[in-house]
Amino acid sequence: MPAQDMEEHAAWPLISNLAVKLEANIPLRGLHVRDLLVLATGQTIESTWSVTEDVPLKVGQVQLCWCEFEVVDGKMSLRLTRLA
């Protein structure tokens, strides 16, 4: 079904209100729990993930789209860049 037709589907009012857990994972080699415990506001964690490479966004084992991290109003956000 094309994305533009989804909102016209009879089940859309129910489906659009479902709560799901979204996951955007970036591998962090060498990160330990003790590193997270001493992490302060504003600190960053280094990753080998390229800043030019989009991050996969999943619901369970299903990849929905690709996204990128950005800061909006001082909060970490994900911007969808393309559908999977």
C-alpha atoms as a PDB file:
ATOM      1  CA  MET A   1       0.000   0.000   0.000  1.00  0.00           C
ATOM      2  CA  PRO A   2       1.434   3.416  -0.929  1.00  0.00           C
ATOM      3  CA  ALA A   3       2.199   5.623   2.069  1.00  0.00           C
ATOM      4  CA  GLN A   4      -0.247   8.317   0.941  1.00  0.00           C
ATOM      5  CA  ASP A   5      -3.118   5.777   1.083  1.00  0.00           C
ATOM      6  CA  MET A   6      -2.390   4.604   4.633  1.00  0.00           C
ATOM      7  CA  GLU A   7      -4.347   7.389   6.315  1.00  0.00           C
ATOM      8  CA  GLU A   8      -7.381   6.537   4.189  1.00  0.00           C
ATOM      9  CA  HIS A   9      -7.425   2.896   5.368  1.00  0.00           C
ATOM     10  CA  ALA A  10     -10.365   1.989   7.637  1.00  0.00           C
ATOM     11  CA  ALA A  11      -7.974   0.789  10.384  1.00  0.00           C
ATOM     12  CA  TRP A  12      -5.914   4.012  10.408  1.00  0.00           C
ATOM     13  CA  PRO A  13      -7.627   5.570  13.492  1.00  0.00           C
ATOM     14  CA  LEU A  14      -6.648   2.496  15.545  1.00  0.00           C
ATOM     15  CA  ILE A  15      -3.218   1.906  13.999  1.00  0.00           C
ATOM     16  CA  SER A  16      -2.143   5.553  14.259  1.00  0.00           C
ATOM     17  CA  ASN A  17      -2.599   5.441  18.051  1.00  0.00           C
ATOM     18  CA  LEU A  18      -0.589   2.277  18.725  1.00  0.00           C
ATOM     19  CA  ALA A  19       2.364   2.760  21.045  1.00  0.00           C
ATOM     20  CA  VAL A  20       5.511   1.048  19.773  1.00  0.00           C
ATOM     21  CA  LYS A  21       9.127   0.967  20.911  1.00  0.00           C
ATOM     22  CA  LEU A  22      11.447   2.490  18.296  1.00  0.00           C
ATOM     23  CA  GLU A  23      15.157   1.667  18.310  1.00  0.00           C
ATOM     24  CA  ALA A  24      17.978   3.605  16.685  1.00  0.00           C
ATOM     25  CA  ASN A  25      21.182   1.775  17.601  1.00  0.00           C
ATOM     26  CA  ILE A  26      24.760   2.864  17.042  1.00  0.00           C
ATOM     27  CA  PRO A  27      27.513   0.428  18.051  1.00  0.00           C
ATOM     28  CA  LEU A  28      29.850   1.795  20.738  1.00  0.00           C
ATOM     29  CA  ARG A  29      32.917  -0.387  21.113  1.00  0.00           C
ATOM     30  CA  GLY A  30      34.697  -0.302  24.442  1.00  0.00           C
ATOM     31  CA  LEU A  31      31.907   1.510  26.302  1.00  0.00           C
ATOM     32  CA  HIS A  32      31.446   0.279  29.868  1.00  0.00           C
ATOM     33  CA  VAL A  33      28.653   0.803  32.391  1.00  0.00           C
ATOM     34  CA  ARG A  34      31.105   2.777  34.560  1.00  0.00           C
ATOM     35  CA  ASP A  35      31.544   5.197  31.628  1.00  0.00           C
ATOM     36  CA  LEU A  36      27.784   5.841  31.575  1.00  0.00           C
ATOM     37  CA  LEU A  37      27.663   6.318  35.357  1.00  0.00           C
ATOM     38  CA  VAL A  38      30.129   9.225  35.226  1.00  0.00           C
ATOM     39  CA  LEU A  39      28.673  10.803  32.065  1.00  0.00           C
ATOM     40  CA  ALA A  40      27.806  14.469  32.685  1.00  0.00           C
ATOM     41  CA  THR A  41      25.344  16.739  30.917  1.00  0.00           C
ATOM     42  CA  GLY A  42      26.811  17.983  27.647  1.00  0.00           C
ATOM     43  CA  GLN A  43      29.441  15.259  27.355  1.00  0.00           C
ATOM     44  CA  THR A  44      29.626  13.201  24.196  1.00  0.00           C
ATOM     45  CA  ILE A  45      30.530   9.584  23.532  1.00  0.00           C
ATOM     46  CA  GLU A  46      32.789   8.783  20.596  1.00  0.00           C
ATOM     47  CA  SER A  47      31.561   6.278  18.029  1.00  0.00           C
ATOM     48  CA  THR A  48      33.059   4.793  14.881  1.00  0.00           C
ATOM     49  CA  TRP A  49      29.737   5.460  13.102  1.00  0.00           C
ATOM     50  CA  SER A  50      30.264   7.966  10.293  1.00  0.00           C
ATOM     51  CA  VAL A  51      28.418  11.260  10.798  1.00  0.00           C
ATOM     52  CA  THR A  52      27.442  11.140   7.125  1.00  0.00           C
ATOM     53  CA  GLU A  53      25.836   7.694   7.453  1.00  0.00           C
ATOM     54  CA  ASP A  54      22.130   7.488   8.338  1.00  0.00           C
ATOM     55  CA  VAL A  55      21.048   5.353  11.304  1.00  0.00           C
ATOM     56  CA  PRO A  56      18.524   2.495  10.861  1.00  0.00           C
ATOM     57  CA  LEU A  57      15.290   2.942  12.844  1.00  0.00           C
ATOM     58  CA  LYS A  58      13.518  -0.283  13.840  1.00  0.00           C
ATOM     59  CA  VAL A  59      10.375  -1.528  15.528  1.00  0.00           C
ATOM     60  CA  GLY A  60      11.393  -4.913  16.926  1.00  0.00           C
ATOM     61  CA  GLN A  61      13.241  -6.688  14.120  1.00  0.00           C
ATOM     62  CA  VAL A  62      11.608  -4.637  11.329  1.00  0.00           C
ATOM     63  CA  GLN A  63      13.511  -1.699   9.910  1.00  0.00           C
ATOM     64  CA  LEU A  64      11.079   1.097   9.082  1.00  0.00           C
ATOM     65  CA  CYS A  65      13.351   3.827   7.837  1.00  0.00           C
ATOM     66  CA  TRP A  66      16.684   5.615   8.073  1.00  0.00           C
ATOM     67  CA  CYS A  67      17.242   8.691  10.197  1.00  0.00           C
ATOM     68  CA  GLU A  68      19.854  11.099  11.497  1.00  0.00           C
ATOM     69  CA  PHE A  69      20.448  12.551  14.950  1.00  0.00           C
ATOM     70  CA  GLU A  70      20.169  16.278  15.511  1.00  0.00           C
ATOM     71  CA  VAL A  71      19.564  18.687  18.373  1.00  0.00           C
ATOM     72  CA  VAL A  72      16.259  20.588  18.424  1.00  0.00           C
ATOM     73  CA  ASP A  73      15.536  23.057  21.229  1.00  0.00           C
ATOM     74  CA  GLY A  74      18.352  21.539  23.273  1.00  0.00           C
ATOM     75  CA  LYS A  75      16.991  17.990  22.984  1.00  0.00           C
ATOM     76  CA  MET A  76      18.367  15.021  21.048  1.00  0.00           C
ATOM     77  CA  SER A  77      16.058  14.247  18.142  1.00  0.00           C
ATOM     78  CA  LEU A  78      15.841  11.880  15.197  1.00  0.00           C
ATOM     79  CA  ARG A  79      14.940  13.169  11.762  1.00  0.00           C
ATOM     80  CA  LEU A  80      13.603  10.622   9.285  1.00  0.00           C
ATOM     81  CA  THR A  81      15.593  10.772   6.052  1.00  0.00           C
ATOM     82  CA  ARG A  82      14.126   7.935   3.961  1.00  0.00           C
ATOM     83  CA  LEU A  83      11.873   4.891   4.193  1.00  0.00           C
ATOM     84  CA  ALA A  84      13.397   1.425   4.195  1.00  0.00           C
END
